[in-house]
């Protein structure tokens, strides 16, 4: 299924939890927590037969030597989840222009055994947007994952982020499900 929610047993009540739940489960969450700051999200899944690679000049693969430059780029708009080991354990591509990173995409997780990968941490500097760069870096990550035999490639976006949705649809992703994400407090 799309998502699974895990809430600590009642005897181990936590003050708060970050949850991802199907909208149909909101009522259950609200019985256990006094507030749930839910925002609508969309999970998209690659349809490999529809994959349409996008290319551009300046596309490079990133590794640990690029960490300081990547962290400086992400300081402009922090991603929801980035840890340095994603550069060595995952797949990261960027576009470099004038000697600086201007667009990047990577993976949150890759499992060769499970044949699953999660695309994420996509960011393009505001002054470089609307040039197809996000599609190019995301496409490079997808192509690499497919070449490794990863058959399930997913990503998550805020439901109202129509520009991102259009980018991902152009390279072959389709909506898989809608869910709610947010902090729940007792």
N, C-alpha and C. Protein backbone atom coordinates (compact mmCIF):
# COMPACT_ATOMS: atom_id res chain seq x y z
N UNK A 1 0.83 -1.20 0.00
CA UNK A 1 0.00 0.00 0.00
C UNK A 1 0.86 1.25 0.00
N UNK A 2 0.22 2.37 -0.01
CA UNK A 2 0.93 3.64 -0.12
C UNK A 2 1.77 3.95 1.11
N UNK A 3 1.17 3.86 2.28
CA UNK A 3 1.87 4.28 3.49
C UNK A 3 1.48 3.42 4.67
N UNK A 4 2.32 3.50 5.67
CA UNK A 4 2.00 2.82 6.92
C UNK A 4 2.33 3.81 8.04
N UNK A 5 1.51 3.85 9.03
CA UNK A 5 1.77 4.72 10.17
C UNK A 5 2.10 3.86 11.37
N UNK A 6 3.08 4.33 12.12
CA UNK A 6 3.44 3.63 13.35
C UNK A 6 3.30 4.63 14.49
N UNK A 7 2.47 4.30 15.45
CA UNK A 7 2.29 5.13 16.64
C UNK A 7 2.68 4.28 17.83
N UNK A 8 3.46 4.86 18.74
CA UNK A 8 3.90 4.12 19.91
C UNK A 8 2.70 3.60 20.69
N UNK A 9 2.85 2.42 21.31
CA UNK A 9 1.76 1.91 22.15
C UNK A 9 1.36 2.94 23.21
N UNK A 10 0.10 2.88 23.62
CA UNK A 10 -0.43 3.86 24.57
C UNK A 10 0.42 3.94 25.84
N UNK A 11 0.93 2.79 26.34
CA UNK A 11 1.69 2.81 27.58
C UNK A 11 3.01 3.56 27.42
N UNK A 12 3.46 3.78 26.18
CA UNK A 12 4.71 4.50 25.93
C UNK A 12 4.43 5.85 25.27
N UNK A 13 3.40 6.50 25.68
CA UNK A 13 2.97 7.73 25.01
C UNK A 13 4.12 8.72 24.81
N UNK A 14 4.26 9.14 23.56
CA UNK A 14 5.23 10.17 23.23
C UNK A 14 4.51 11.51 23.17
N UNK A 15 5.26 12.57 23.40
CA UNK A 15 4.66 13.90 23.36
C UNK A 15 4.29 14.29 21.94
N UNK A 16 5.10 13.84 20.97
CA UNK A 16 4.81 14.19 19.58
C UNK A 16 5.40 13.12 18.66
N UNK A 17 4.92 13.12 17.43
CA UNK A 17 5.42 12.19 16.42
C UNK A 17 5.23 12.83 15.05
N UNK A 18 6.12 12.50 14.13
CA UNK A 18 5.97 12.93 12.74
C UNK A 18 5.29 11.79 12.00
N UNK A 19 4.15 12.07 11.39
CA UNK A 19 3.35 11.01 10.78
C UNK A 19 3.14 11.23 9.29
N UNK A 20 3.02 10.12 8.59
CA UNK A 20 2.59 10.07 7.19
C UNK A 20 1.44 9.09 7.17
N UNK A 21 0.24 9.58 6.89
CA UNK A 21 -0.94 8.71 6.93
C UNK A 21 -1.86 8.99 5.76
N UNK A 22 -2.60 7.96 5.39
CA UNK A 22 -3.64 8.15 4.39
C UNK A 22 -4.73 9.04 4.98
N UNK A 23 -5.37 9.87 4.17
CA UNK A 23 -6.44 10.73 4.69
C UNK A 23 -7.50 9.95 5.46
N UNK A 24 -7.77 8.73 5.06
CA UNK A 24 -8.78 7.92 5.75
C UNK A 24 -8.36 7.55 7.17
N UNK A 25 -7.10 7.75 7.52
CA UNK A 25 -6.61 7.43 8.86
C UNK A 25 -6.51 8.64 9.78
N UNK A 26 -6.84 9.82 9.28
CA UNK A 26 -6.77 11.04 10.09
C UNK A 26 -7.58 10.91 11.39
N UNK A 27 -8.75 10.32 11.32
CA UNK A 27 -9.60 10.21 12.51
C UNK A 27 -8.92 9.36 13.59
N UNK A 28 -8.23 8.32 13.20
CA UNK A 28 -7.51 7.48 14.16
C UNK A 28 -6.40 8.28 14.82
N UNK A 29 -5.68 9.05 14.03
CA UNK A 29 -4.59 9.87 14.55
C UNK A 29 -5.16 10.89 15.54
N UNK A 30 -6.26 11.52 15.19
CA UNK A 30 -6.84 12.56 16.05
C UNK A 30 -7.40 11.99 17.36
N UNK A 31 -7.67 10.69 17.40
CA UNK A 31 -8.08 10.07 18.67
C UNK A 31 -6.88 9.90 19.60
N UNK A 32 -5.71 9.75 19.05
CA UNK A 32 -4.50 9.53 19.84
C UNK A 32 -3.73 10.81 20.14
N UNK A 33 -3.92 11.83 19.30
CA UNK A 33 -3.18 13.09 19.43
C UNK A 33 -4.16 14.25 19.43
N UNK A 34 -3.86 15.29 20.22
CA UNK A 34 -4.76 16.44 20.30
C UNK A 34 -4.66 17.33 19.06
N UNK A 35 -3.49 17.39 18.44
CA UNK A 35 -3.34 18.17 17.22
C UNK A 35 -2.58 17.34 16.18
N UNK A 36 -2.90 17.58 14.94
CA UNK A 36 -2.18 16.96 13.83
C UNK A 36 -2.08 18.01 12.73
N UNK A 37 -0.87 18.59 12.60
CA UNK A 37 -0.64 19.63 11.59
C UNK A 37 -0.36 18.96 10.25
N UNK A 38 -1.41 18.44 9.66
CA UNK A 38 -1.29 17.66 8.43
C UNK A 38 -1.24 18.54 7.20
N UNK A 39 -0.31 18.24 6.32
CA UNK A 39 -0.31 18.91 5.02
C UNK A 39 -0.45 17.84 3.94
N UNK A 40 -1.25 18.13 2.94
CA UNK A 40 -1.46 17.15 1.87
C UNK A 40 -0.18 16.96 1.04
N UNK A 41 0.16 15.72 0.81
CA UNK A 41 1.33 15.34 0.04
C UNK A 41 0.90 14.38 -1.07
N UNK A 42 1.74 14.26 -2.08
CA UNK A 42 1.50 13.32 -3.17
C UNK A 42 2.72 12.44 -3.32
N UNK A 43 2.50 11.14 -3.35
CA UNK A 43 3.57 10.21 -3.70
C UNK A 43 3.42 9.91 -5.18
N UNK A 44 4.54 10.05 -5.89
CA UNK A 44 4.56 9.75 -7.32
C UNK A 44 5.47 8.55 -7.54
N UNK A 45 5.14 7.77 -8.56
CA UNK A 45 5.92 6.57 -8.88
C UNK A 45 6.28 6.61 -10.36
N UNK A 46 7.54 6.27 -10.65
CA UNK A 46 7.98 6.24 -12.04
C UNK A 46 7.28 5.12 -12.79
N UNK A 47 6.81 5.44 -13.97
CA UNK A 47 6.31 4.44 -14.91
C UNK A 47 7.45 4.23 -15.91
N UNK A 48 8.29 3.20 -15.69
CA UNK A 48 9.51 3.04 -16.49
C UNK A 48 9.29 3.10 -18.00
N UNK A 49 8.18 2.59 -18.47
CA UNK A 49 7.92 2.61 -19.91
C UNK A 49 7.69 4.03 -20.44
N UNK A 50 7.42 4.96 -19.53
CA UNK A 50 7.20 6.36 -19.92
C UNK A 50 8.41 7.24 -19.63
N UNK A 51 9.51 6.65 -19.13
CA UNK A 51 10.68 7.45 -18.77
C UNK A 51 11.21 8.19 -19.99
N UNK A 52 11.30 9.50 -19.88
CA UNK A 52 11.77 10.37 -20.95
C UNK A 52 12.96 11.18 -20.43
N UNK A 53 14.18 10.68 -20.64
CA UNK A 53 15.36 11.37 -20.11
C UNK A 53 15.49 12.80 -20.64
N UNK A 54 15.98 13.68 -19.79
CA UNK A 54 16.24 15.07 -20.12
C UNK A 54 17.74 15.29 -19.91
N UNK A 55 18.39 15.96 -20.83
CA UNK A 55 19.82 16.23 -20.68
C UNK A 55 20.08 17.72 -20.72
N UNK A 56 21.24 18.10 -20.26
CA UNK A 56 21.68 19.49 -20.33
C UNK A 56 23.19 19.54 -20.16
N UNK A 57 23.78 20.68 -20.50
CA UNK A 57 25.21 20.87 -20.31
C UNK A 57 25.51 21.06 -18.83
N UNK A 58 26.71 20.67 -18.44
CA UNK A 58 27.16 20.91 -17.06
C UNK A 58 26.71 19.87 -16.07
N UNK A 59 26.12 18.76 -16.52
CA UNK A 59 25.63 17.71 -15.62
C UNK A 59 26.82 16.91 -15.08
N UNK A 60 26.89 16.79 -13.75
CA UNK A 60 27.98 16.06 -13.09
C UNK A 60 27.43 15.18 -11.98
N UNK A 61 28.12 14.07 -11.73
CA UNK A 61 27.78 13.20 -10.60
C UNK A 61 28.50 13.76 -9.37
N UNK A 62 27.82 13.75 -8.22
CA UNK A 62 28.42 14.27 -6.99
C UNK A 62 28.88 13.13 -6.09
N UNK A 63 29.89 13.41 -5.29
CA UNK A 63 30.40 12.48 -4.30
C UNK A 63 30.81 13.24 -3.05
N UNK A 64 31.41 12.57 -2.10
CA UNK A 64 31.77 13.21 -0.82
C UNK A 64 32.65 14.44 -0.97
N UNK A 65 33.57 14.49 -1.95
CA UNK A 65 34.35 15.74 -2.10
C UNK A 65 33.48 16.97 -2.37
N UNK A 66 32.26 16.76 -2.86
CA UNK A 66 31.35 17.87 -3.17
C UNK A 66 30.47 18.29 -1.99
N UNK A 67 30.62 17.61 -0.85
CA UNK A 67 29.75 17.88 0.30
C UNK A 67 29.72 19.34 0.73
N UNK A 68 30.86 20.03 0.92
CA UNK A 68 30.76 21.43 1.35
C UNK A 68 29.97 22.31 0.38
N UNK A 69 30.18 22.10 -0.91
CA UNK A 69 29.46 22.90 -1.91
C UNK A 69 27.97 22.56 -1.91
N UNK A 70 27.64 21.27 -1.75
CA UNK A 70 26.24 20.86 -1.70
C UNK A 70 25.55 21.42 -0.46
N UNK A 71 26.22 21.36 0.69
CA UNK A 71 25.64 21.92 1.92
C UNK A 71 25.42 23.42 1.79
N UNK A 72 26.33 24.11 1.12
CA UNK A 72 26.16 25.56 0.89
C UNK A 72 24.94 25.82 0.01
N UNK A 73 24.74 24.99 -1.01
CA UNK A 73 23.56 25.14 -1.87
C UNK A 73 22.29 24.88 -1.06
N UNK A 74 22.28 23.80 -0.29
CA UNK A 74 21.10 23.47 0.50
C UNK A 74 20.83 24.48 1.62
N UNK A 75 21.83 25.25 2.01
CA UNK A 75 21.61 26.28 3.03
C UNK A 75 20.64 27.35 2.53
N UNK A 76 20.49 27.47 1.20
CA UNK A 76 19.55 28.44 0.62
C UNK A 76 18.10 28.02 0.84
N UNK A 77 17.86 26.71 0.90
CA UNK A 77 16.51 26.19 1.08
C UNK A 77 16.64 24.74 1.56
N UNK A 78 16.67 24.56 2.87
CA UNK A 78 16.93 23.25 3.47
C UNK A 78 15.96 22.18 2.99
N UNK A 79 16.49 21.04 2.53
CA UNK A 79 15.60 19.94 2.18
C UNK A 79 15.03 19.31 3.44
N UNK A 80 13.96 18.55 3.29
CA UNK A 80 13.33 17.91 4.43
C UNK A 80 14.25 16.90 5.09
N UNK A 81 15.07 16.22 4.29
CA UNK A 81 15.92 15.16 4.83
C UNK A 81 17.18 15.02 4.00
N UNK A 82 18.32 15.41 4.58
CA UNK A 82 19.61 15.20 3.93
C UNK A 82 20.64 14.85 4.99
N UNK A 83 21.37 13.79 4.75
CA UNK A 83 22.52 13.44 5.57
C UNK A 83 23.68 13.15 4.62
N UNK A 84 24.90 13.51 5.00
CA UNK A 84 26.04 13.35 4.10
C UNK A 84 26.22 11.95 3.52
N UNK A 85 25.88 10.91 4.26
CA UNK A 85 26.08 9.55 3.75
C UNK A 85 25.24 9.27 2.50
N UNK A 86 24.25 10.11 2.23
CA UNK A 86 23.46 9.92 1.02
C UNK A 86 24.32 10.12 -0.24
N UNK A 87 25.41 10.87 -0.10
CA UNK A 87 26.30 11.07 -1.24
C UNK A 87 27.09 9.80 -1.57
N UNK A 88 27.40 9.00 -0.57
CA UNK A 88 28.15 7.76 -0.83
C UNK A 88 27.24 6.56 -0.99
N UNK A 89 26.13 6.52 -0.27
CA UNK A 89 25.23 5.37 -0.31
C UNK A 89 24.16 5.49 -1.39
N UNK A 90 23.99 6.69 -1.93
CA UNK A 90 22.94 6.92 -2.90
C UNK A 90 23.48 7.42 -4.23
N UNK A 91 22.65 8.17 -4.92
CA UNK A 91 22.97 8.70 -6.25
C UNK A 91 22.66 10.19 -6.24
N UNK A 92 23.63 11.01 -6.60
CA UNK A 92 23.45 12.46 -6.67
C UNK A 92 24.01 13.01 -7.96
N UNK A 93 23.22 13.84 -8.64
CA UNK A 93 23.68 14.54 -9.83
C UNK A 93 23.38 16.02 -9.66
N UNK A 94 24.18 16.85 -10.31
CA UNK A 94 24.00 18.30 -10.24
C UNK A 94 24.35 18.91 -11.59
N UNK A 95 23.96 20.16 -11.73
CA UNK A 95 24.40 20.97 -12.86
C UNK A 95 25.29 22.05 -12.27
N UNK A 96 26.46 22.18 -12.90
CA UNK A 96 27.41 23.21 -12.50
C UNK A 96 27.49 24.24 -13.62
N UNK A 97 27.36 25.50 -13.24
CA UNK A 97 27.51 26.60 -14.19
C UNK A 97 28.42 27.65 -13.58
N UNK A 98 29.37 28.10 -14.34
CA UNK A 98 30.30 29.11 -13.82
C UNK A 98 31.02 28.64 -12.58
N UNK A 99 31.27 27.34 -12.48
CA UNK A 99 32.01 26.80 -11.35
C UNK A 99 31.20 26.60 -10.09
N UNK A 100 29.89 26.81 -10.14
CA UNK A 100 29.08 26.61 -8.93
C UNK A 100 27.88 25.71 -9.22
N UNK A 101 27.43 25.01 -8.18
CA UNK A 101 26.24 24.17 -8.31
C UNK A 101 25.01 25.07 -8.44
N UNK A 102 24.16 24.76 -9.42
CA UNK A 102 22.94 25.56 -9.58
C UNK A 102 21.68 24.70 -9.47
N UNK A 103 21.83 23.37 -9.64
CA UNK A 103 20.68 22.48 -9.52
C UNK A 103 21.18 21.12 -9.08
N UNK A 104 20.38 20.43 -8.27
CA UNK A 104 20.80 19.14 -7.73
C UNK A 104 19.60 18.24 -7.50
N UNK A 105 19.84 16.93 -7.59
CA UNK A 105 18.84 15.92 -7.23
C UNK A 105 19.59 14.71 -6.72
N UNK A 106 18.96 14.00 -5.80
CA UNK A 106 19.60 12.81 -5.25
C UNK A 106 18.59 11.78 -4.80
N UNK A 107 19.07 10.87 -4.00
CA UNK A 107 18.19 9.83 -3.46
C UNK A 107 18.17 9.92 -1.94
N UNK A 108 17.01 9.65 -1.39
CA UNK A 108 16.89 9.52 0.07
C UNK A 108 17.37 8.15 0.48
N UNK A 109 17.01 7.16 -0.33
CA UNK A 109 17.37 5.78 -0.02
C UNK A 109 17.40 4.99 -1.33
N UNK A 110 18.30 3.99 -1.35
CA UNK A 110 18.37 3.06 -2.48
C UNK A 110 18.57 1.67 -1.89
N UNK A 111 17.78 0.72 -2.34
CA UNK A 111 17.93 -0.67 -1.92
C UNK A 111 18.03 -1.54 -3.17
N UNK A 112 19.26 -2.02 -3.43
CA UNK A 112 19.45 -2.92 -4.56
C UNK A 112 18.71 -4.23 -4.34
N UNK A 113 18.75 -4.71 -3.10
CA UNK A 113 18.06 -5.96 -2.76
C UNK A 113 16.55 -5.82 -2.97
N UNK A 114 15.98 -4.71 -2.49
CA UNK A 114 14.54 -4.48 -2.62
C UNK A 114 14.16 -3.87 -3.96
N UNK A 115 15.18 -3.47 -4.73
CA UNK A 115 14.98 -2.84 -6.03
C UNK A 115 14.10 -1.60 -5.94
N UNK A 116 14.37 -0.78 -4.89
CA UNK A 116 13.58 0.41 -4.61
C UNK A 116 14.51 1.61 -4.44
N UNK A 117 14.09 2.75 -4.97
CA UNK A 117 14.83 3.99 -4.77
C UNK A 117 13.86 5.14 -4.58
N UNK A 118 14.25 6.09 -3.74
CA UNK A 118 13.42 7.27 -3.49
C UNK A 118 14.18 8.52 -3.92
N UNK A 119 13.69 9.18 -4.95
CA UNK A 119 14.26 10.42 -5.45
C UNK A 119 13.91 11.54 -4.49
N UNK A 120 14.86 12.44 -4.25
CA UNK A 120 14.56 13.55 -3.35
C UNK A 120 15.65 14.61 -3.36
N UNK A 121 15.49 15.57 -2.47
CA UNK A 121 16.45 16.66 -2.30
C UNK A 121 16.72 17.40 -3.61
N UNK A 122 15.68 17.58 -4.39
CA UNK A 122 15.79 18.29 -5.66
C UNK A 122 15.70 19.79 -5.38
N UNK A 123 16.67 20.53 -5.88
CA UNK A 123 16.67 21.98 -5.66
C UNK A 123 17.38 22.66 -6.81
N UNK A 124 16.80 23.77 -7.27
CA UNK A 124 17.42 24.62 -8.28
C UNK A 124 17.41 26.05 -7.75
N UNK A 125 18.55 26.72 -7.87
CA UNK A 125 18.61 28.12 -7.43
C UNK A 125 17.49 28.91 -8.11
N UNK A 126 16.83 29.79 -7.37
CA UNK A 126 15.69 30.54 -7.94
C UNK A 126 15.99 31.23 -9.26
N UNK A 127 17.17 31.82 -9.38
CA UNK A 127 17.50 32.56 -10.61
C UNK A 127 17.79 31.63 -11.80
N UNK A 128 17.84 30.32 -11.55
CA UNK A 128 18.13 29.36 -12.62
C UNK A 128 16.93 28.49 -12.96
N UNK A 129 15.79 28.78 -12.39
CA UNK A 129 14.59 27.97 -12.63
C UNK A 129 13.99 28.23 -14.01
N UNK A 130 13.08 27.35 -14.40
CA UNK A 130 12.36 27.43 -15.68
C UNK A 130 13.28 27.23 -16.88
N UNK A 131 14.35 26.46 -16.67
CA UNK A 131 15.28 26.15 -17.76
C UNK A 131 15.43 24.64 -17.95
N UNK A 132 14.64 23.85 -17.23
CA UNK A 132 14.71 22.40 -17.38
C UNK A 132 15.79 21.72 -16.55
N UNK A 133 16.44 22.45 -15.67
CA UNK A 133 17.54 21.88 -14.90
C UNK A 133 17.07 20.83 -13.90
N UNK A 134 15.96 21.08 -13.22
CA UNK A 134 15.45 20.10 -12.25
C UNK A 134 15.11 18.80 -12.96
N UNK A 135 14.52 18.89 -14.13
CA UNK A 135 14.22 17.69 -14.90
C UNK A 135 15.47 16.95 -15.31
N UNK A 136 16.52 17.68 -15.66
CA UNK A 136 17.77 17.05 -16.08
C UNK A 136 18.46 16.32 -14.93
N UNK A 137 18.54 16.95 -13.75
CA UNK A 137 19.22 16.28 -12.63
C UNK A 137 18.38 15.11 -12.12
N UNK A 138 17.06 15.30 -12.06
CA UNK A 138 16.19 14.19 -11.62
C UNK A 138 16.26 13.04 -12.62
N UNK A 139 16.27 13.37 -13.89
CA UNK A 139 16.35 12.37 -14.94
C UNK A 139 17.66 11.58 -14.86
N UNK A 140 18.76 12.25 -14.56
CA UNK A 140 20.06 11.57 -14.43
C UNK A 140 20.03 10.58 -13.27
N UNK A 141 19.41 10.98 -12.16
CA UNK A 141 19.29 10.07 -11.01
C UNK A 141 18.45 8.86 -11.41
N UNK A 142 17.32 9.09 -12.05
CA UNK A 142 16.43 8.00 -12.46
C UNK A 142 17.16 7.06 -13.41
N UNK A 143 17.86 7.60 -14.40
CA UNK A 143 18.58 6.76 -15.37
C UNK A 143 19.61 5.88 -14.66
N UNK A 144 20.31 6.45 -13.69
CA UNK A 144 21.30 5.67 -12.94
C UNK A 144 20.62 4.55 -12.16
N UNK A 145 19.50 4.86 -11.49
CA UNK A 145 18.78 3.84 -10.72
C UNK A 145 18.29 2.72 -11.63
N UNK A 146 17.71 3.08 -12.77
CA UNK A 146 17.22 2.07 -13.71
C UNK A 146 18.37 1.18 -14.19
N UNK A 147 19.55 1.77 -14.43
CA UNK A 147 20.69 0.98 -14.89
C UNK A 147 21.17 -0.01 -13.84
N UNK A 148 20.84 0.24 -12.58
CA UNK A 148 21.20 -0.66 -11.47
C UNK A 148 20.13 -1.73 -11.23
N UNK A 149 19.07 -1.72 -12.02
CA UNK A 149 18.00 -2.69 -11.85
C UNK A 149 16.96 -2.28 -10.82
N UNK A 150 16.98 -1.01 -10.41
CA UNK A 150 15.97 -0.51 -9.47
C UNK A 150 14.67 -0.38 -10.26
N UNK A 151 13.65 -1.11 -9.86
CA UNK A 151 12.40 -1.12 -10.63
C UNK A 151 11.29 -0.26 -10.03
N UNK A 152 11.40 0.08 -8.76
CA UNK A 152 10.40 0.95 -8.12
C UNK A 152 11.11 2.23 -7.70
N UNK A 153 10.75 3.33 -8.35
CA UNK A 153 11.34 4.64 -8.04
C UNK A 153 10.20 5.58 -7.70
N UNK A 154 10.27 6.16 -6.50
CA UNK A 154 9.21 7.02 -6.00
C UNK A 154 9.77 8.37 -5.57
N UNK A 155 8.88 9.31 -5.36
CA UNK A 155 9.22 10.61 -4.80
C UNK A 155 7.97 11.17 -4.13
N UNK A 156 8.16 12.15 -3.27
CA UNK A 156 7.05 12.80 -2.58
C UNK A 156 7.13 14.30 -2.84
N UNK A 157 5.97 14.91 -3.05
CA UNK A 157 5.91 16.37 -3.21
C UNK A 157 4.72 16.91 -2.42
N UNK A 158 4.82 18.17 -2.05
CA UNK A 158 3.68 18.85 -1.44
C UNK A 158 2.59 18.92 -2.52
N UNK A 159 1.38 18.59 -2.14
CA UNK A 159 0.28 18.48 -3.11
C UNK A 159 0.06 19.74 -3.93
N UNK A 160 0.39 20.90 -3.39
CA UNK A 160 0.16 22.16 -4.10
C UNK A 160 1.34 22.58 -4.97
N UNK A 161 2.40 21.78 -5.02
CA UNK A 161 3.59 22.15 -5.79
C UNK A 161 3.42 21.72 -7.26
N UNK A 162 2.58 22.45 -7.98
CA UNK A 162 2.29 22.11 -9.37
C UNK A 162 3.51 22.19 -10.28
N UNK A 163 4.43 23.16 -10.11
CA UNK A 163 5.61 23.16 -10.99
C UNK A 163 6.43 21.87 -10.85
N UNK A 164 6.62 21.39 -9.63
CA UNK A 164 7.38 20.15 -9.43
C UNK A 164 6.63 18.97 -10.04
N UNK A 165 5.34 18.93 -9.85
CA UNK A 165 4.54 17.84 -10.41
C UNK A 165 4.72 17.78 -11.93
N UNK A 166 4.69 18.95 -12.60
CA UNK A 166 4.85 18.97 -14.05
C UNK A 166 6.22 18.46 -14.48
N UNK A 167 7.27 18.83 -13.73
CA UNK A 167 8.63 18.35 -14.03
C UNK A 167 8.66 16.83 -13.98
N UNK A 168 8.13 16.27 -12.90
CA UNK A 168 8.20 14.82 -12.71
C UNK A 168 7.30 14.07 -13.70
N UNK A 169 6.15 14.64 -14.01
CA UNK A 169 5.27 14.00 -15.00
C UNK A 169 5.95 13.94 -16.37
N UNK A 170 6.68 15.01 -16.73
CA UNK A 170 7.38 15.05 -18.02
C UNK A 170 8.42 13.94 -18.14
N UNK A 171 9.04 13.55 -17.03
CA UNK A 171 10.08 12.51 -17.14
C UNK A 171 9.54 11.11 -16.87
N UNK A 172 8.23 10.99 -16.59
CA UNK A 172 7.63 9.66 -16.52
C UNK A 172 7.01 9.26 -15.20
N UNK A 173 6.89 10.18 -14.25
CA UNK A 173 6.25 9.86 -12.97
C UNK A 173 4.74 10.10 -13.07
N UNK A 174 3.98 9.37 -12.27
CA UNK A 174 2.53 9.55 -12.18
C UNK A 174 2.14 9.48 -10.71
N UNK A 175 1.04 10.14 -10.38
CA UNK A 175 0.55 10.11 -9.00
C UNK A 175 0.22 8.68 -8.59
N UNK A 176 0.71 8.30 -7.42
CA UNK A 176 0.43 6.97 -6.87
C UNK A 176 -0.62 7.07 -5.77
N UNK A 177 -0.46 8.05 -4.88
CA UNK A 177 -1.45 8.25 -3.82
C UNK A 177 -1.28 9.63 -3.20
N UNK A 178 -2.30 10.05 -2.47
CA UNK A 178 -2.27 11.29 -1.68
C UNK A 178 -2.22 10.87 -0.22
N UNK A 179 -1.44 11.57 0.57
CA UNK A 179 -1.37 11.27 2.00
C UNK A 179 -1.18 12.57 2.78
N UNK A 180 -1.29 12.47 4.09
CA UNK A 180 -1.10 13.63 4.97
C UNK A 180 0.17 13.41 5.78
N UNK A 181 0.96 14.48 5.86
CA UNK A 181 2.23 14.44 6.58
C UNK A 181 2.23 15.59 7.59
N UNK A 182 2.77 15.32 8.76
CA UNK A 182 2.89 16.42 9.72
C UNK A 182 3.15 15.94 11.13
N UNK A 183 3.31 16.91 12.00
CA UNK A 183 3.57 16.62 13.40
C UNK A 183 2.25 16.46 14.15
N UNK A 184 2.19 15.40 14.91
CA UNK A 184 1.04 15.17 15.79
C UNK A 184 1.51 15.34 17.22
N UNK A 185 0.73 16.06 18.03
CA UNK A 185 1.08 16.31 19.44
C UNK A 185 -0.04 15.86 20.35
N UNK A 186 0.36 15.39 21.50
CA UNK A 186 -0.61 14.97 22.51
C UNK A 186 -1.10 16.18 23.29
